[in-house]
Amino acid sequence: MEQRNLVENFVESMSQLMELLQKETEILNSQIYEEIDPLQTRKVQLTKYYLDSQKNIQDMPDTLASLSDVERANLKILYKKFRNVLSENMLTLRGSYDATERVVNLVIDAVKKQRGGAKNTKAFGSRPQGYAAYTAAEGSSIALNTQT
């Protein structure tokens, strides 16, 4: 593939993925989660396209050297913007995940309280392991017949 085409594919893949990540971030911020699912297949496709394009450029280091100074500067600006969009998306995804996890834990705690939860009983305690499993429990006495 021609070097210019490699760069064009890389720029195109980065631009398309950046657009999708921005849309996903907007959806997460607006909390309209039904719109997230349809994006995921396209996100996987664009990520693969981006990674393949990036690998093609890395495999041919002369590709970037063939660009003019202005083109290289524009590519650096675009890449910096891409990293910022990616970081914002990752932070938003992490925030949504953490919020969901907190809600789930609150629901679990509420259900445990409503059911009365597990009291501090031996049935819910840890079982002895190893040699301790075969020794007598504390407070129990054992009588041995030593007469034979």
N, C-alpha and C. Protein backbone atom coordinates (compact mmCIF):
# COMPACT_ATOMS: atom_id res chain seq x y z
N MET A 1 0.85 -1.17 0.00
CA MET A 1 0.00 0.00 0.00
C MET A 1 0.90 1.24 0.00
N GLU A 2 0.48 2.24 -0.73
CA GLU A 2 1.23 3.48 -0.84
C GLU A 2 1.28 4.20 0.52
N GLN A 3 2.39 4.87 0.79
CA GLN A 3 2.58 5.52 2.09
C GLN A 3 1.50 6.56 2.37
N ARG A 4 1.14 7.34 1.37
CA ARG A 4 0.10 8.35 1.56
C ARG A 4 -1.23 7.70 1.94
N ASN A 5 -1.54 6.56 1.33
CA ASN A 5 -2.78 5.84 1.66
C ASN A 5 -2.75 5.33 3.10
N LEU A 6 -1.58 4.90 3.56
CA LEU A 6 -1.46 4.44 4.94
C LEU A 6 -1.81 5.56 5.91
N VAL A 7 -1.28 6.74 5.64
CA VAL A 7 -1.55 7.89 6.51
C VAL A 7 -3.02 8.29 6.42
N GLU A 8 -3.57 8.30 5.22
CA GLU A 8 -4.99 8.65 5.05
C GLU A 8 -5.89 7.66 5.79
N ASN A 9 -5.57 6.37 5.70
CA ASN A 9 -6.35 5.36 6.44
C ASN A 9 -6.24 5.56 7.94
N PHE A 10 -5.04 5.89 8.41
CA PHE A 10 -4.83 6.12 9.84
C PHE A 10 -5.64 7.33 10.31
N VAL A 11 -5.58 8.41 9.56
CA VAL A 11 -6.33 9.62 9.91
C VAL A 11 -7.83 9.34 9.88
N GLU A 12 -8.27 8.64 8.87
CA GLU A 12 -9.70 8.31 8.74
C GLU A 12 -10.16 7.43 9.90
N SER A 13 -9.39 6.42 10.24
CA SER A 13 -9.77 5.53 11.34
C SER A 13 -9.81 6.29 12.66
N MET A 14 -8.83 7.15 12.87
CA MET A 14 -8.77 7.93 14.10
C MET A 14 -9.96 8.90 14.18
N SER A 15 -10.28 9.54 13.08
CA SER A 15 -11.39 10.50 13.06
C SER A 15 -12.73 9.82 13.32
N GLN A 16 -12.95 8.68 12.67
CA GLN A 16 -14.21 7.96 12.87
C GLN A 16 -14.34 7.45 14.29
N LEU A 17 -13.27 6.89 14.83
CA LEU A 17 -13.31 6.37 16.20
C LEU A 17 -13.50 7.51 17.19
N MET A 18 -12.86 8.63 16.94
CA MET A 18 -12.99 9.79 17.82
C MET A 18 -14.45 10.29 17.83
N GLU A 19 -15.07 10.33 16.68
CA GLU A 19 -16.46 10.75 16.57
C GLU A 19 -17.37 9.82 17.37
N LEU A 20 -17.15 8.53 17.23
CA LEU A 20 -17.96 7.55 17.96
C LEU A 20 -17.74 7.66 19.47
N LEU A 21 -16.50 7.85 19.90
CA LEU A 21 -16.20 7.98 21.33
C LEU A 21 -16.86 9.23 21.91
N GLN A 22 -16.87 10.31 21.14
CA GLN A 22 -17.53 11.53 21.61
C GLN A 22 -19.04 11.30 21.76
N LYS A 23 -19.61 10.59 20.80
CA LYS A 23 -21.05 10.28 20.87
C LYS A 23 -21.34 9.41 22.09
N GLU A 24 -20.51 8.41 22.32
CA GLU A 24 -20.69 7.52 23.47
C GLU A 24 -20.59 8.31 24.78
N THR A 25 -19.64 9.23 24.85
CA THR A 25 -19.48 10.06 26.05
C THR A 25 -20.71 10.92 26.28
N GLU A 26 -21.25 11.51 25.20
CA GLU A 26 -22.47 12.31 25.31
C GLU A 26 -23.64 11.47 25.82
N ILE A 27 -23.76 10.27 25.31
CA ILE A 27 -24.85 9.37 25.73
C ILE A 27 -24.70 9.03 27.21
N LEU A 28 -23.49 8.72 27.64
CA LEU A 28 -23.27 8.40 29.05
C LEU A 28 -23.57 9.60 29.94
N ASN A 29 -23.17 10.79 29.51
CA ASN A 29 -23.44 11.98 30.30
C ASN A 29 -24.92 12.31 30.36
N SER A 30 -25.66 12.01 29.28
CA SER A 30 -27.11 12.27 29.27
C SER A 30 -27.89 11.12 29.91
N GLN A 31 -27.21 10.02 30.21
CA GLN A 31 -27.79 8.84 30.87
C GLN A 31 -28.95 8.22 30.08
N ILE A 32 -28.82 8.23 28.77
CA ILE A 32 -29.79 7.55 27.90
C ILE A 32 -29.11 6.27 27.44
N TYR A 33 -29.07 5.30 28.34
CA TYR A 33 -28.25 4.11 28.14
C TYR A 33 -28.75 3.18 27.03
N GLU A 34 -30.00 3.33 26.63
CA GLU A 34 -30.53 2.46 25.56
C GLU A 34 -29.78 2.70 24.25
N GLU A 35 -29.21 3.89 24.09
CA GLU A 35 -28.52 4.23 22.85
C GLU A 35 -27.08 3.72 22.80
N ILE A 36 -26.60 3.19 23.91
CA ILE A 36 -25.20 2.72 23.98
C ILE A 36 -25.02 1.41 23.21
N ASP A 37 -25.93 0.48 23.40
CA ASP A 37 -25.77 -0.86 22.84
C ASP A 37 -25.53 -0.87 21.32
N PRO A 38 -26.31 -0.11 20.55
CA PRO A 38 -26.07 -0.14 19.09
C PRO A 38 -24.69 0.36 18.68
N LEU A 39 -24.05 1.16 19.51
CA LEU A 39 -22.73 1.69 19.17
C LEU A 39 -21.61 0.67 19.34
N GLN A 40 -21.83 -0.33 20.16
CA GLN A 40 -20.73 -1.21 20.56
C GLN A 40 -20.14 -2.02 19.41
N THR A 41 -20.97 -2.52 18.52
CA THR A 41 -20.45 -3.29 17.38
C THR A 41 -19.59 -2.39 16.50
N ARG A 42 -20.10 -1.20 16.24
CA ARG A 42 -19.34 -0.25 15.41
C ARG A 42 -18.05 0.17 16.11
N LYS A 43 -18.10 0.31 17.42
CA LYS A 43 -16.91 0.69 18.19
C LYS A 43 -15.83 -0.38 18.05
N VAL A 44 -16.22 -1.64 18.12
CA VAL A 44 -15.26 -2.74 17.96
C VAL A 44 -14.65 -2.71 16.56
N GLN A 45 -15.49 -2.49 15.54
CA GLN A 45 -15.00 -2.44 14.16
C GLN A 45 -14.01 -1.29 13.96
N LEU A 46 -14.38 -0.11 14.48
CA LEU A 46 -13.51 1.05 14.31
C LEU A 46 -12.21 0.91 15.09
N THR A 47 -12.28 0.28 16.25
CA THR A 47 -11.07 0.06 17.03
C THR A 47 -10.12 -0.86 16.28
N LYS A 48 -10.66 -1.91 15.67
CA LYS A 48 -9.82 -2.82 14.88
C LYS A 48 -9.22 -2.09 13.68
N TYR A 49 -10.03 -1.30 13.01
CA TYR A 49 -9.57 -0.51 11.86
C TYR A 49 -8.44 0.44 12.29
N TYR A 50 -8.62 1.10 13.42
CA TYR A 50 -7.60 2.02 13.93
C TYR A 50 -6.31 1.27 14.27
N LEU A 51 -6.43 0.16 14.99
CA LEU A 51 -5.24 -0.61 15.38
C LEU A 51 -4.50 -1.15 14.16
N ASP A 52 -5.25 -1.63 13.17
CA ASP A 52 -4.62 -2.12 11.94
C ASP A 52 -3.89 -0.99 11.21
N SER A 53 -4.53 0.17 11.13
CA SER A 53 -3.91 1.32 10.46
C SER A 53 -2.66 1.77 11.19
N GLN A 54 -2.73 1.78 12.51
CA GLN A 54 -1.58 2.16 13.32
C GLN A 54 -0.42 1.18 13.12
N LYS A 55 -0.74 -0.11 13.09
CA LYS A 55 0.29 -1.14 12.90
C LYS A 55 0.94 -0.99 11.52
N ASN A 56 0.13 -0.72 10.51
CA ASN A 56 0.68 -0.54 9.16
C ASN A 56 1.68 0.61 9.11
N ILE A 57 1.38 1.68 9.81
CA ILE A 57 2.31 2.82 9.84
C ILE A 57 3.56 2.45 10.63
N GLN A 58 3.39 1.75 11.73
CA GLN A 58 4.55 1.35 12.54
C GLN A 58 5.45 0.38 11.79
N ASP A 59 4.86 -0.45 10.94
CA ASP A 59 5.64 -1.40 10.16
C ASP A 59 6.46 -0.71 9.06
N MET A 60 6.06 0.49 8.70
CA MET A 60 6.78 1.25 7.66
C MET A 60 7.15 2.63 8.22
N PRO A 61 8.23 2.71 8.98
CA PRO A 61 8.61 3.96 9.64
C PRO A 61 8.85 5.13 8.68
N ASP A 62 9.20 4.84 7.42
CA ASP A 62 9.45 5.92 6.44
C ASP A 62 8.17 6.69 6.13
N THR A 63 7.02 6.09 6.43
CA THR A 63 5.74 6.71 6.08
C THR A 63 5.63 8.11 6.66
N LEU A 64 5.93 8.26 7.93
CA LEU A 64 5.82 9.58 8.56
C LEU A 64 6.90 10.53 8.04
N ALA A 65 8.05 9.97 7.69
CA ALA A 65 9.12 10.81 7.16
C ALA A 65 8.76 11.37 5.79
N SER A 66 7.88 10.70 5.07
CA SER A 66 7.49 11.16 3.74
C SER A 66 6.50 12.32 3.79
N LEU A 67 5.97 12.62 4.98
CA LEU A 67 5.01 13.72 5.11
C LEU A 67 5.75 15.05 5.19
N SER A 68 5.07 16.09 4.76
CA SER A 68 5.65 17.43 4.91
C SER A 68 5.58 17.84 6.38
N ASP A 69 6.30 18.90 6.73
CA ASP A 69 6.29 19.38 8.12
C ASP A 69 4.88 19.76 8.56
N VAL A 70 4.13 20.39 7.68
CA VAL A 70 2.76 20.81 7.99
C VAL A 70 1.88 19.58 8.22
N GLU A 71 2.02 18.57 7.37
CA GLU A 71 1.22 17.35 7.52
C GLU A 71 1.55 16.63 8.82
N ARG A 72 2.84 16.56 9.16
CA ARG A 72 3.23 15.93 10.43
C ARG A 72 2.67 16.71 11.61
N ALA A 73 2.73 18.03 11.54
CA ALA A 73 2.20 18.87 12.63
C ALA A 73 0.69 18.66 12.77
N ASN A 74 -0.01 18.59 11.65
CA ASN A 74 -1.46 18.35 11.69
C ASN A 74 -1.78 16.97 12.26
N LEU A 75 -0.97 15.99 11.91
CA LEU A 75 -1.17 14.64 12.43
C LEU A 75 -0.95 14.61 13.94
N LYS A 76 0.06 15.32 14.42
CA LYS A 76 0.32 15.39 15.87
C LYS A 76 -0.85 16.05 16.59
N ILE A 77 -1.39 17.11 16.00
CA ILE A 77 -2.54 17.80 16.61
C ILE A 77 -3.74 16.87 16.68
N LEU A 78 -3.99 16.16 15.57
CA LEU A 78 -5.12 15.23 15.54
C LEU A 78 -4.93 14.11 16.56
N TYR A 79 -3.71 13.60 16.67
CA TYR A 79 -3.44 12.51 17.61
C TYR A 79 -3.61 12.98 19.05
N LYS A 80 -3.19 14.20 19.33
CA LYS A 80 -3.37 14.76 20.68
C LYS A 80 -4.86 14.90 21.00
N LYS A 81 -5.62 15.37 20.02
CA LYS A 81 -7.08 15.50 20.21
C LYS A 81 -7.69 14.12 20.44
N PHE A 82 -7.23 13.13 19.67
CA PHE A 82 -7.73 11.77 19.82
C PHE A 82 -7.47 11.24 21.23
N ARG A 83 -6.25 11.45 21.74
CA ARG A 83 -5.92 10.99 23.10
C ARG A 83 -6.81 11.67 24.14
N ASN A 84 -7.09 12.96 23.95
CA ASN A 84 -7.96 13.67 24.88
C ASN A 84 -9.39 13.12 24.86
N VAL A 85 -9.90 12.87 23.66
CA VAL A 85 -11.25 12.30 23.53
C VAL A 85 -11.29 10.91 24.16
N LEU A 86 -10.26 10.12 23.91
CA LEU A 86 -10.18 8.78 24.47
C LEU A 86 -10.13 8.83 26.00
N SER A 87 -9.33 9.74 26.54
CA SER A 87 -9.23 9.87 28.01
C SER A 87 -10.56 10.29 28.61
N GLU A 88 -11.22 11.25 27.99
CA GLU A 88 -12.52 11.70 28.48
C GLU A 88 -13.53 10.55 28.46
N ASN A 89 -13.51 9.78 27.38
CA ASN A 89 -14.42 8.64 27.26
C ASN A 89 -14.14 7.61 28.34
N MET A 90 -12.87 7.31 28.57
CA MET A 90 -12.51 6.32 29.58
C MET A 90 -12.93 6.78 30.98
N LEU A 91 -12.72 8.05 31.29
CA LEU A 91 -13.13 8.58 32.59
C LEU A 91 -14.65 8.53 32.76
N THR A 92 -15.37 8.86 31.70
CA THR A 92 -16.83 8.82 31.76
C THR A 92 -17.33 7.39 31.93
N LEU A 93 -16.74 6.46 31.18
CA LEU A 93 -17.11 5.05 31.33
C LEU A 93 -16.83 4.56 32.75
N ARG A 94 -15.68 4.92 33.28
CA ARG A 94 -15.31 4.49 34.64
C ARG A 94 -16.27 5.09 35.67
N GLY A 95 -16.62 6.36 35.49
CA GLY A 95 -17.57 7.00 36.40
C GLY A 95 -18.93 6.32 36.36
N SER A 96 -19.40 5.98 35.16
CA SER A 96 -20.69 5.29 35.03
C SER A 96 -20.63 3.91 35.66
N TYR A 97 -19.52 3.22 35.45
CA TYR A 97 -19.35 1.89 36.04
C TYR A 97 -19.36 1.98 37.56
N ASP A 98 -18.60 2.93 38.11
CA ASP A 98 -18.53 3.08 39.57
C ASP A 98 -19.90 3.43 40.16
N ALA A 99 -20.63 4.32 39.48
CA ALA A 99 -21.96 4.70 39.96
C ALA A 99 -22.90 3.50 39.94
N THR A 100 -22.83 2.71 38.89
CA THR A 100 -23.67 1.52 38.80
C THR A 100 -23.32 0.53 39.89
N GLU A 101 -22.03 0.35 40.14
CA GLU A 101 -21.59 -0.57 41.18
C GLU A 101 -22.09 -0.12 42.56
N ARG A 102 -22.05 1.19 42.81
CA ARG A 102 -22.55 1.70 44.10
C ARG A 102 -24.04 1.43 44.25
N VAL A 103 -24.81 1.64 43.18
CA VAL A 103 -26.25 1.39 43.23
C VAL A 103 -26.53 -0.08 43.49
N VAL A 104 -25.82 -0.96 42.79
CA VAL A 104 -26.01 -2.40 42.99
C VAL A 104 -25.69 -2.78 44.43
N ASN A 105 -24.61 -2.26 44.97
CA ASN A 105 -24.24 -2.57 46.36
C ASN A 105 -25.28 -2.04 47.34
N LEU A 106 -25.86 -0.87 47.07
CA LEU A 106 -26.93 -0.34 47.92
C LEU A 106 -28.15 -1.26 47.90
N VAL A 107 -28.49 -1.75 46.72
CA VAL A 107 -29.63 -2.66 46.59
C VAL A 107 -29.35 -3.96 47.34
N ILE A 108 -28.16 -4.49 47.19
CA ILE A 108 -27.80 -5.73 47.90
C ILE A 108 -27.88 -5.52 49.40
N ASP A 109 -27.34 -4.40 49.89
CA ASP A 109 -27.40 -4.12 51.33
C ASP A 109 -28.83 -3.97 51.81
N ALA A 110 -29.68 -3.31 51.02
CA ALA A 110 -31.08 -3.13 51.40
C ALA A 110 -31.80 -4.47 51.46
N VAL A 111 -31.53 -5.35 50.51
CA VAL A 111 -32.16 -6.68 50.52
C VAL A 111 -31.70 -7.47 51.73
N LYS A 112 -30.41 -7.40 52.04
CA LYS A 112 -29.90 -8.11 53.22
C LYS A 112 -30.56 -7.61 54.49
N LYS A 113 -30.72 -6.29 54.61
CA LYS A 113 -31.36 -5.72 55.80
C LYS A 113 -32.82 -6.16 55.88
N GLN A 114 -33.50 -6.15 54.74
CA GLN A 114 -34.91 -6.53 54.72
C GLN A 114 -35.09 -8.00 55.10
N ARG A 115 -34.21 -8.83 54.65
CA ARG A 115 -34.30 -10.26 54.96
C ARG A 115 -33.75 -10.57 56.35
N GLY A 116 -33.16 -9.62 56.97
CA GLY A 116 -32.60 -9.85 58.29
C GLY A 116 -31.13 -10.18 58.22
N GLY A 117 -30.62 -10.42 57.06
CA GLY A 117 -29.20 -10.69 56.89
C GLY A 117 -28.74 -11.92 57.64
N ALA A 118 -27.53 -12.24 57.44
CA ALA A 118 -26.94 -13.40 58.12
C ALA A 118 -26.51 -12.95 59.51
N LYS A 119 -27.08 -13.54 60.51
CA LYS A 119 -26.70 -13.23 61.89
C LYS A 119 -25.34 -13.86 62.16
N ASN A 120 -24.76 -13.51 63.25
CA ASN A 120 -23.46 -14.05 63.61
C ASN A 120 -23.66 -15.44 64.22
N THR A 121 -23.97 -16.39 63.38
CA THR A 121 -24.18 -17.76 63.84
C THR A 121 -23.09 -18.65 63.27
N LYS A 122 -22.91 -19.81 63.93
CA LYS A 122 -21.87 -20.73 63.47
C LYS A 122 -22.16 -21.27 62.08
N ALA A 123 -23.44 -21.34 61.71
CA ALA A 123 -23.78 -21.86 60.39
C ALA A 123 -23.19 -21.00 59.28
N PHE A 124 -23.01 -19.71 59.57
CA PHE A 124 -22.48 -18.81 58.55
C PHE A 124 -21.00 -18.51 58.76
N GLY A 125 -20.41 -19.08 59.78
CA GLY A 125 -18.99 -18.84 60.05
C GLY A 125 -18.11 -19.66 59.14
N SER A 126 -16.84 -19.39 59.20
CA SER A 126 -15.92 -20.15 58.36
C SER A 126 -15.70 -21.54 58.97
N ARG A 127 -15.52 -22.46 58.13
CA ARG A 127 -15.28 -23.84 58.55
C ARG A 127 -13.80 -24.03 58.83
N PRO A 128 -13.46 -24.89 59.81
CA PRO A 128 -12.04 -25.15 60.08
C PRO A 128 -11.39 -25.85 58.89
N GLN A 129 -10.14 -25.54 58.68
CA GLN A 129 -9.39 -26.10 57.57
C GLN A 129 -8.22 -26.92 58.11
N GLY A 130 -7.75 -27.87 57.33
CA GLY A 130 -6.57 -28.65 57.69
C GLY A 130 -6.74 -29.45 58.97
N TYR A 131 -5.69 -29.47 59.80
CA TYR A 131 -5.68 -30.24 61.04
C TYR A 131 -6.77 -29.77 62.00
N ALA A 132 -7.07 -28.49 62.00
CA ALA A 132 -8.07 -27.93 62.91
C ALA A 132 -9.45 -28.54 62.67
N ALA A 133 -9.70 -29.04 61.49
CA ALA A 133 -11.00 -29.65 61.19
C ALA A 133 -11.18 -30.95 61.96
N TYR A 134 -10.09 -31.57 62.41
CA TYR A 134 -10.18 -32.86 63.08
C TYR A 134 -9.99 -32.75 64.59
N THR A 135 -9.72 -31.58 65.10
CA THR A 135 -9.56 -31.41 66.54
C THR A 135 -10.90 -31.08 67.16
N ALA A 136 -10.99 -31.29 68.46
CA ALA A 136 -12.24 -31.03 69.17
C ALA A 136 -12.51 -29.54 69.20
N ALA A 137 -13.77 -29.20 69.12
CA ALA A 137 -14.17 -27.80 69.20
C ALA A 137 -13.93 -27.29 70.61
N GLU A 138 -13.71 -25.98 70.73
CA GLU A 138 -13.49 -25.39 72.04
C GLU A 138 -14.72 -25.61 72.91
N GLY A 139 -14.49 -25.90 74.17
CA GLY A 139 -15.59 -26.06 75.10
C GLY A 139 -16.16 -27.46 75.15
N SER A 140 -15.76 -28.33 74.27
CA SER A 140 -16.28 -29.69 74.33
C SER A 140 -15.24 -30.57 75.00
N SER A 141 -15.72 -31.52 75.74
CA SER A 141 -14.78 -32.40 76.44
C SER A 141 -14.89 -33.80 75.85
N ILE A 142 -13.78 -34.48 75.89
CA ILE A 142 -13.73 -35.84 75.37
C ILE A 142 -13.25 -36.74 76.51
N ALA A 143 -13.99 -37.82 76.73
CA ALA A 143 -13.58 -38.79 77.75
C ALA A 143 -12.92 -39.96 77.04
N LEU A 144 -11.73 -40.29 77.48
CA LEU A 144 -11.02 -41.42 76.89
C LEU A 144 -11.00 -42.56 77.90
N ASN A 145 -11.23 -43.75 77.44
CA ASN A 145 -11.14 -44.93 78.27
C ASN A 145 -9.72 -45.45 78.14
N THR A 146 -8.96 -45.31 79.22
CA THR A 146 -7.56 -45.74 79.18
C THR A 146 -7.38 -47.15 79.72
N GLN A 147 -8.45 -47.78 80.16
CA GLN A 147 -8.35 -49.15 80.66
C GLN A 147 -8.51 -50.11 79.51
N THR A 148 -7.60 -51.02 79.43
CA THR A 148 -7.71 -52.06 78.41
C THR A 148 -7.67 -53.42 79.01
